[in-house]
Amino acid sequence: MPEAYIVAATRTAGGRRDGRVRGWHPVDLAAAVLDEVTRRANIAPDAIDDVIMGCVSQAGEQGLHFGRNAVLASGLPQSIPAVTIDRQCGSSQQAIHFAAQAVMSGVQDVVIAAGAESMSRVPMGSTGRWSRHPQAGSPTSPGLDAKYPQTIFSQFTGAEMIADKWHHSRADLDAFALRSHQKATAARDSGAFAAEILPLEIETPDGAEMHTADEGIRDTATLESIGSLKTLVEGGKITAGNASQICDGAAAVMVVSERALKAHNLTPLARIHNLTVTAGDPVIMLEEPLFATDRALQRAGMKIGDIDLYEVNEAFAPVPLAWLTHTGADPDKLNVNGGAIALGHPLGGSGAKLMTTLVHALRARGKRWGLQTMCEGGGIANVTIVEAL
């Protein structure tokens, strides 16, 4: 079967809600990573066959064909097509899958998989909200209500359900969150993110400066400070401190064929080894990465111990904790540079963001195999296994 290769990957540093990146229109934010990934690959822009853009809240400034608008706002020729996709939090990981599938099928040779989300300017819920009964303007239909009566599909509820099912205490979740901040702080301070981050020019009260570091990292976080936060529901365990941060950000990955490697004299960073997506219970919802990982490893003929580094999105602390228990994975290989609890989770941009970090981390550490997975609304999960080159 033809192979698919990653030849460039970049991301912006995350911005907190209404923080340093708020001044960037999301179309321009997405355009910036399209230009940067093209520059990093050192390929002529007109060689690009397609752009696949992940975005969850496709409304307002992210509406009316976000991906195409990003191409038009970028330095790419207007002849480059684009499509915008929504697989919830896994949107740009699915963009990578679609790009790889296009390349492996021989239909296309050079595809940018990207994603972006300005959660400051286009808040969660902008595209609609669930209701307990069918009503105008709600995605709850009579057919859906018949199968899942009076159900409001909530990731917050799912996170609480996972914590209870896998017997994670509030203290367990807070300890995991603290470790995420500690790892992210160490990664930032050591320069581990420098090779992957695209600096953004931003306006501050003191004038223009470059945004180069993830704004959500809390250097001074302690168990006491995280433990002082209120739970989202009475008697629950999930808080803003042990869940992912609302974030503004974008990321892009260029995926090419072996033919394109030779034709354009490109240098591969990684080879895409396995693409898996599965779906399960839409109510507990966030548990699916556990079972998707089982399926991916089976299909790849690998065991969890064969993998050198894992990126499991920290949407909520119970998700990677349950994943570790279920798979028997080594916690020292998990999210080695911190995760979304510290770095932020820009929804549609997170899939490409995690892949960017994974590929750079593998190469920096001289490791070979990486696995990425993330929970997604509706009880879906993508898994991607890559080999660093």
Protein backbone atom coordinates (compact mmCIF):
# COMPACT_ATOMS: atom_id res chain seq x y z
CA MET A 1 0.00 0.00 0.00
CA PRO A 2 1.30 3.52 -0.75
CA GLU A 3 2.63 5.41 2.25
CA ALA A 4 1.72 8.83 3.67
CA TYR A 5 4.37 11.05 5.23
CA ILE A 6 4.34 14.15 7.44
CA VAL A 7 6.87 16.67 6.14
CA ALA A 8 5.98 19.70 8.26
CA ALA A 9 3.92 20.44 11.36
CA THR A 10 3.39 23.67 13.24
CA ARG A 11 1.07 25.23 15.79
CA THR A 12 0.47 28.54 17.47
CA ALA A 13 1.00 28.97 21.17
CA GLY A 14 -2.36 28.77 22.89
CA GLY A 15 -4.17 31.84 24.13
CA ARG A 16 -6.46 31.83 27.15
CA ARG A 17 -10.10 32.91 26.81
CA ASP A 18 -10.15 36.64 26.08
CA GLY A 19 -6.39 36.56 26.38
CA ARG A 20 -3.38 37.34 24.23
CA VAL A 21 -4.68 35.82 20.98
CA ARG A 22 -8.17 37.31 21.14
CA GLY A 23 -7.26 40.04 18.64
CA TRP A 24 -6.68 37.49 15.89
CA HIS A 25 -9.68 36.78 13.66
CA PRO A 26 -9.94 32.95 13.47
CA VAL A 27 -9.73 33.01 9.65
CA ASP A 28 -6.40 34.83 9.84
CA LEU A 29 -5.24 32.53 12.63
CA ALA A 30 -5.90 29.52 10.39
CA ALA A 31 -4.31 31.26 7.41
CA ALA A 32 -1.13 31.85 9.40
CA VAL A 33 -0.51 28.16 10.03
CA LEU A 34 -1.29 27.31 6.39
CA ASP A 35 1.42 29.71 5.28
CA GLU A 36 3.87 28.51 7.93
CA VAL A 37 3.48 24.79 7.25
CA THR A 38 4.02 25.48 3.55
CA ARG A 39 7.13 27.50 4.32
CA ARG A 40 8.49 24.81 6.62
CA ALA A 41 7.97 22.09 4.04
CA ASN A 42 9.83 24.24 1.50
CA ILE A 43 7.34 23.43 -1.23
CA ALA A 44 5.79 25.63 -3.90
CA PRO A 45 2.28 26.63 -2.76
CA ASP A 46 0.75 25.68 -6.09
CA ALA A 47 1.84 22.06 -5.51
CA ILE A 48 -0.76 21.70 -2.75
CA ASP A 49 -3.74 19.62 -3.84
CA ASP A 50 -6.15 20.36 -0.99
CA VAL A 51 -6.64 21.85 2.46
CA ILE A 52 -8.75 19.98 5.02
CA MET A 53 -9.67 22.27 7.91
CA GLY A 54 -11.10 21.10 11.23
CA CYS A 55 -13.39 23.43 13.15
CA VAL A 56 -16.11 22.68 15.70
CA SER A 57 -18.03 25.95 16.06
CA GLN A 58 -18.72 26.74 12.43
CA ALA A 59 -20.70 29.92 13.06
CA GLY A 60 -20.08 33.65 12.99
CA GLU A 61 -16.44 34.38 12.25
CA GLN A 62 -15.87 30.65 11.75
CA GLY A 63 -18.88 30.21 9.48
CA LEU A 64 -19.51 30.32 5.73
CA HIS A 65 -16.80 27.80 4.84
CA PHE A 66 -14.04 28.48 7.32
CA GLY A 67 -11.42 26.39 5.52
CA ARG A 68 -11.88 28.10 2.18
CA ASN A 69 -11.82 31.51 3.83
CA ALA A 70 -8.51 30.60 5.50
CA VAL A 71 -7.00 29.69 2.13
CA LEU A 72 -8.21 32.96 0.61
CA ALA A 73 -6.77 34.94 3.54
CA SER A 74 -3.43 33.11 3.29
CA GLY A 75 -0.59 33.39 0.82
CA LEU A 76 -1.75 30.24 -0.98
CA PRO A 77 -3.10 30.61 -4.51
CA GLN A 78 -6.89 30.91 -4.79
CA SER A 79 -6.74 27.78 -6.94
CA ILE A 80 -6.12 25.65 -3.84
CA PRO A 81 -9.43 24.05 -2.74
CA ALA A 82 -10.45 23.49 0.87
CA VAL A 83 -13.08 21.72 2.93
CA THR A 84 -14.19 22.29 6.52
CA ILE A 85 -14.97 19.26 8.66
CA ASP A 86 -16.42 18.64 12.09
CA ARG A 87 -15.65 15.54 14.11
CA GLN A 88 -15.96 17.58 17.27
CA CYS A 89 -12.73 17.72 19.30
CA GLY A 90 -11.08 15.30 16.86
CA SER A 91 -11.80 17.46 13.81
CA SER A 92 -8.22 18.18 12.79
CA GLN A 93 -7.06 14.69 13.74
CA GLN A 94 -9.70 13.47 11.32
CA ALA A 95 -8.37 16.04 8.84
CA ILE A 96 -5.01 14.25 9.10
CA HIS A 97 -6.77 10.93 8.48
CA PHE A 98 -8.57 12.26 5.42
CA ALA A 99 -5.33 13.76 4.10
CA ALA A 100 -3.47 10.49 4.60
CA GLN A 101 -6.27 8.51 2.97
CA ALA A 102 -6.20 10.80 -0.07
CA VAL A 103 -2.47 10.36 -0.37
CA MET A 104 -2.50 6.61 0.24
CA SER A 105 -5.23 6.14 -2.36
CA GLY A 106 -3.15 7.91 -4.97
CA VAL A 107 -5.82 10.53 -5.60
CA GLN A 108 -3.72 13.41 -4.22
CA ASP A 109 -0.05 13.95 -3.39
CA VAL A 110 0.19 17.03 -1.15
CA VAL A 111 -2.54 17.85 1.39
CA ILE A 112 -2.56 20.21 4.36
CA ALA A 113 -4.54 18.97 7.36
CA ALA A 114 -5.24 21.82 9.73
CA GLY A 115 -7.58 23.09 12.39
CA ALA A 116 -8.34 26.26 14.27
CA GLU A 117 -10.68 27.60 16.90
CA SER A 118 -11.07 31.00 18.49
CA MET A 119 -13.04 30.09 21.57
CA SER A 120 -12.91 33.72 22.72
CA ARG A 121 -14.62 35.04 19.60
CA VAL A 122 -16.85 32.05 18.77
CA PRO A 123 -17.83 30.53 22.13
CA MET A 124 -18.85 26.93 22.69
CA GLY A 125 -22.56 26.51 22.10
CA SER A 126 -22.64 28.98 19.22
CA THR A 127 -23.95 26.32 16.86
CA GLY A 128 -26.76 25.00 19.07
CA ARG A 129 -27.64 23.37 22.37
CA TRP A 130 -29.26 20.08 23.31
CA SER A 131 -32.72 19.98 24.83
CA ARG A 132 -34.47 17.23 26.80
CA HIS A 133 -37.33 17.13 24.29
CA PRO A 134 -37.54 17.89 20.56
CA GLN A 135 -38.04 21.60 20.00
CA ALA A 136 -37.38 24.15 17.30
CA GLY A 137 -33.71 25.02 16.95
CA SER A 138 -32.45 22.01 18.90
CA PRO A 139 -30.51 19.07 17.42
CA THR A 140 -32.71 16.80 19.56
CA SER A 141 -35.03 15.27 16.98
CA PRO A 142 -38.04 12.99 17.52
CA GLY A 143 -36.00 10.04 16.22
CA LEU A 144 -33.08 10.79 18.49
CA ASP A 145 -35.37 11.32 21.46
CA ALA A 146 -37.01 7.96 20.82
CA LYS A 147 -33.65 6.17 21.15
CA TYR A 148 -32.20 8.36 23.92
CA PRO A 149 -35.24 9.77 25.74
CA GLN A 150 -34.81 13.06 27.59
CA THR A 151 -31.03 12.87 27.16
CA ILE A 152 -28.84 15.94 27.06
CA PHE A 153 -25.55 14.72 25.63
CA SER A 154 -22.97 16.41 27.85
CA GLN A 155 -19.21 15.95 27.94
CA PHE A 156 -19.25 17.26 31.51
CA THR A 157 -21.67 14.51 32.51
CA GLY A 158 -19.57 11.97 30.63
CA ALA A 159 -16.45 13.06 32.47
CA GLU A 160 -18.15 12.62 35.83
CA MET A 161 -19.39 9.19 34.73
CA ILE A 162 -15.88 8.09 33.75
CA ALA A 163 -14.43 9.30 37.06
CA ASP A 164 -17.03 7.27 38.93
CA LYS A 165 -16.74 4.18 36.72
CA TRP A 166 -12.93 4.06 36.98
CA HIS A 167 -12.92 4.98 40.69
CA HIS A 168 -10.97 8.22 40.36
CA SER A 169 -11.19 10.54 43.34
CA ARG A 170 -11.12 14.31 43.16
CA ALA A 171 -7.60 14.09 44.55
CA ASP A 172 -6.54 11.77 41.69
CA LEU A 173 -7.85 14.22 39.11
CA ASP A 174 -6.22 17.23 40.74
CA ALA A 175 -2.87 15.44 41.03
CA PHE A 176 -2.99 14.60 37.33
CA ALA A 177 -3.81 18.23 36.52
CA LEU A 178 -0.87 19.49 38.57
CA ARG A 179 1.46 17.13 36.77
CA SER A 180 0.24 18.47 33.42
CA HIS A 181 1.20 22.00 34.44
CA GLN A 182 4.56 20.82 35.76
CA LYS A 183 5.41 18.99 32.54
CA ALA A 184 4.27 21.91 30.40
CA THR A 185 6.34 24.33 32.47
CA ALA A 186 9.43 22.15 32.08
CA ALA A 187 8.84 21.79 28.33
CA ARG A 188 8.43 25.52 27.84
CA ASP A 189 11.44 26.42 29.96
CA SER A 190 13.68 23.87 28.23
CA GLY A 191 12.72 25.11 24.77
CA ALA A 192 10.95 21.87 23.86
CA PHE A 193 8.15 23.77 22.11
CA ALA A 194 10.38 26.21 20.22
CA ALA A 195 10.65 24.09 17.07
CA GLU A 196 6.90 23.64 16.71
CA ILE A 197 5.45 27.05 17.62
CA LEU A 198 4.67 29.75 15.06
CA PRO A 199 5.11 33.12 16.80
CA LEU A 200 2.13 35.48 16.41
CA GLU A 201 2.35 39.24 16.50
CA ILE A 202 -0.13 40.57 19.04
CA GLU A 203 -1.08 43.95 20.45
CA THR A 204 -0.66 44.53 24.17
CA PRO A 205 -1.12 47.66 26.32
CA ASP A 206 2.64 48.12 26.00
CA GLY A 207 2.64 47.80 22.22
CA ALA A 208 3.21 45.02 19.70
CA GLU A 209 5.04 41.87 20.75
CA MET A 210 5.34 38.24 19.72
CA HIS A 211 3.21 35.55 21.32
CA THR A 212 5.49 32.53 21.64
CA ALA A 213 4.46 30.68 24.82
CA ASP A 214 1.26 28.88 25.78
CA GLU A 215 -0.65 31.30 27.98
CA GLY A 216 -2.49 28.72 30.07
CA ILE A 217 0.51 27.18 31.81
CA ARG A 218 0.37 27.91 35.53
CA ASP A 219 3.92 27.82 36.85
CA THR A 220 2.80 28.29 40.44
CA ALA A 221 -0.01 25.72 40.45
CA THR A 222 -0.20 23.57 43.58
CA LEU A 223 -2.49 20.82 44.79
CA GLU A 224 -3.95 23.36 47.18
CA SER A 225 -4.73 25.93 44.50
CA ILE A 226 -6.24 23.36 42.15
CA GLY A 227 -8.11 21.73 45.02
CA SER A 228 -9.67 25.05 46.04
CA LEU A 229 -11.71 25.29 42.83
CA LYS A 230 -15.41 24.53 42.93
CA THR A 231 -16.76 21.46 41.18
CA LEU A 232 -18.92 22.05 38.14
CA VAL A 233 -21.83 20.19 39.73
CA GLU A 234 -22.75 19.71 43.37
CA GLY A 235 -21.04 16.59 44.71
CA GLY A 236 -19.01 16.12 41.54
CA LYS A 237 -15.27 15.82 40.90
CA ILE A 238 -14.71 17.82 37.72
CA THR A 239 -13.52 21.40 38.07
CA ALA A 240 -12.05 24.03 35.77
CA GLY A 241 -8.69 22.99 37.20
CA ASN A 242 -8.77 19.31 36.18
CA ALA A 243 -10.39 19.93 32.79
CA SER A 244 -8.95 21.35 29.58
CA GLN A 245 -8.67 25.10 29.22
CA ILE A 246 -10.74 27.13 26.76
CA CYS A 247 -8.19 28.20 24.18
CA ASP A 248 -7.56 30.15 20.98
CA GLY A 249 -5.17 28.42 18.61
CA ALA A 250 -4.43 26.78 15.29
CA ALA A 251 -2.20 24.04 13.90
CA ALA A 252 -1.35 22.50 10.54
CA VAL A 253 0.32 19.32 9.29
CA MET A 254 1.42 18.69 5.70
CA VAL A 255 0.86 15.13 4.49
CA VAL A 256 2.44 13.93 1.25
CA SER A 257 2.97 10.82 -0.87
CA GLU A 258 6.28 9.12 -1.58
CA ARG A 259 5.96 10.44 -5.12
CA ALA A 260 5.76 13.99 -3.76
CA LEU A 261 8.78 13.40 -1.52
CA LYS A 262 10.87 12.66 -4.58
CA ALA A 263 9.30 15.19 -6.95
CA HIS A 264 9.70 18.12 -4.53
CA ASN A 265 12.81 16.93 -2.68
CA LEU A 266 11.00 16.94 0.66
CA THR A 267 12.34 15.65 3.98
CA PRO A 268 9.90 13.43 5.91
CA LEU A 269 9.49 13.91 9.66
CA ALA A 270 7.27 10.87 10.19
CA ARG A 271 5.37 8.12 8.40
CA ILE A 272 1.71 7.54 9.16
CA HIS A 273 1.41 3.90 10.19
CA ASN A 274 -2.21 3.43 11.27
CA LEU A 275 -5.50 5.30 11.04
CA THR A 276 -8.40 4.17 13.21
CA VAL A 277 -11.74 5.66 14.19
CA THR A 278 -14.43 3.98 16.28
CA ALA A 279 -17.67 4.96 18.00
CA GLY A 280 -19.46 3.82 21.13
CA ASP A 281 -21.72 5.03 23.91
CA PRO A 282 -22.76 8.66 23.20
CA VAL A 283 -23.78 9.28 26.82
CA ILE A 284 -20.59 8.44 28.72
CA MET A 285 -19.08 9.63 25.45
CA LEU A 286 -15.46 10.33 26.41
CA GLU A 287 -14.50 6.72 27.11
CA GLU A 288 -14.14 5.70 23.46
CA PRO A 289 -10.36 6.37 23.16
CA LEU A 290 -9.81 3.28 25.34
CA PHE A 291 -11.51 0.95 22.89
CA ALA A 292 -10.30 2.78 19.79
CA THR A 293 -6.73 2.25 21.01
CA ASP A 294 -7.38 -1.49 21.38
CA ARG A 295 -8.63 -1.60 17.80
CA ALA A 296 -5.74 0.47 16.43
CA LEU A 297 -3.08 -1.67 18.09
CA GLN A 298 -4.78 -4.83 16.88
CA ARG A 299 -4.92 -3.56 13.32
CA ALA A 300 -1.31 -2.39 13.47
CA GLY A 301 -0.10 -5.70 14.91
CA MET A 302 1.41 -3.85 17.86
CA LYS A 303 1.23 -3.85 21.65
CA ILE A 304 0.98 -0.79 23.86
CA GLY A 305 4.54 -1.38 25.04
CA ASP A 306 5.78 -0.98 21.48
CA ILE A 307 4.77 2.68 21.51
CA ASP A 308 7.38 5.18 22.72
CA LEU A 309 5.20 8.24 23.35
CA TYR A 310 1.45 8.79 23.70
CA GLU A 311 -0.62 11.94 23.25
CA VAL A 312 -4.03 11.43 24.85
CA ASN A 313 -6.02 14.64 24.87
CA GLU A 314 -6.64 15.94 28.36
CA ALA A 315 -10.20 17.07 27.75
CA PHE A 316 -10.86 16.04 31.36
CA ALA A 317 -8.40 14.33 33.69
CA PRO A 318 -10.48 11.11 34.00
CA VAL A 319 -10.03 10.39 30.28
CA PRO A 320 -6.23 9.85 30.16
CA LEU A 321 -6.33 8.27 33.62
CA ALA A 322 -8.90 5.70 32.51
CA TRP A 323 -6.94 5.20 29.28
CA LEU A 324 -3.77 4.43 31.26
CA THR A 325 -5.56 1.88 33.42
CA HIS A 326 -7.34 0.19 30.53
CA THR A 327 -4.32 -0.07 28.23
CA GLY A 328 -1.67 -0.70 30.87
CA ALA A 329 0.41 2.04 29.27
CA ASP A 330 3.46 3.55 30.94
CA PRO A 331 2.42 6.90 32.49
CA ASP A 332 5.94 8.26 31.96
CA LYS A 333 5.32 8.11 28.20
CA LEU A 334 2.03 10.00 28.37
CA ASN A 335 1.78 13.66 27.33
CA VAL A 336 5.43 14.18 28.16
CA ASN A 337 5.26 17.92 27.49
CA GLY A 338 1.98 18.44 29.31
CA GLY A 339 -1.51 18.40 27.86
CA ALA A 340 -4.67 20.40 27.37
CA ILE A 341 -5.20 20.96 31.09
CA ALA A 342 -2.13 23.21 31.00
CA LEU A 343 -1.76 24.07 27.32
CA GLY A 344 -5.39 24.52 26.30
CA HIS A 345 -7.78 22.72 23.97
CA PRO A 346 -8.70 24.81 20.92
CA LEU A 347 -11.39 22.27 19.90
CA GLY A 348 -11.08 21.91 16.11
CA GLY A 349 -7.37 22.74 16.23
CA SER A 350 -6.37 20.21 18.87
CA GLY A 351 -5.93 17.16 16.65
CA ALA A 352 -3.28 18.81 14.48
CA LYS A 353 -1.84 20.49 17.57
CA LEU A 354 -1.30 17.18 19.35
CA MET A 355 0.21 15.61 16.25
CA THR A 356 2.60 18.55 15.89
CA THR A 357 3.76 18.10 19.48
CA LEU A 358 3.97 14.32 19.16
CA VAL A 359 6.12 14.34 16.03
CA HIS A 360 8.48 16.97 17.42
CA ALA A 361 8.74 15.16 20.77
CA LEU A 362 9.54 11.84 19.13
CA ARG A 363 12.30 13.35 17.04
CA ALA A 364 13.72 15.43 19.89
CA ARG A 365 13.97 12.34 22.10
CA GLY A 366 15.21 10.00 19.40
CA LYS A 367 12.11 7.80 19.72
CA ARG A 368 10.36 5.87 16.98
CA TRP A 369 6.66 5.16 17.58
CA GLY A 370 3.96 7.59 18.66
CA LEU A 371 0.23 7.16 19.28
CA GLN A 372 -2.34 9.96 19.43
CA THR A 373 -5.97 9.68 20.49
CA MET A 374 -8.70 11.95 21.73
CA CYS A 375 -12.28 11.75 22.91
CA GLU A 376 -14.91 13.36 20.72
CA GLY A 377 -18.52 14.41 21.07
CA GLY A 378 -21.01 11.67 20.30
CA GLY A 379 -18.82 8.90 21.70
CA ILE A 380 -16.28 8.82 18.84
CA ALA A 381 -12.48 8.52 18.98
CA ASN A 382 -9.66 8.73 16.46
CA VAL A 383 -6.32 6.98 16.89
CA THR A 384 -3.26 7.72 14.78
CA ILE A 385 0.01 5.79 15.02
CA VAL A 386 3.10 7.37 13.47
CA GLU A 387 6.71 6.38 13.00
CA ALA A 388 9.26 9.16 13.41
CA LEU A 389 11.91 9.25 10.71
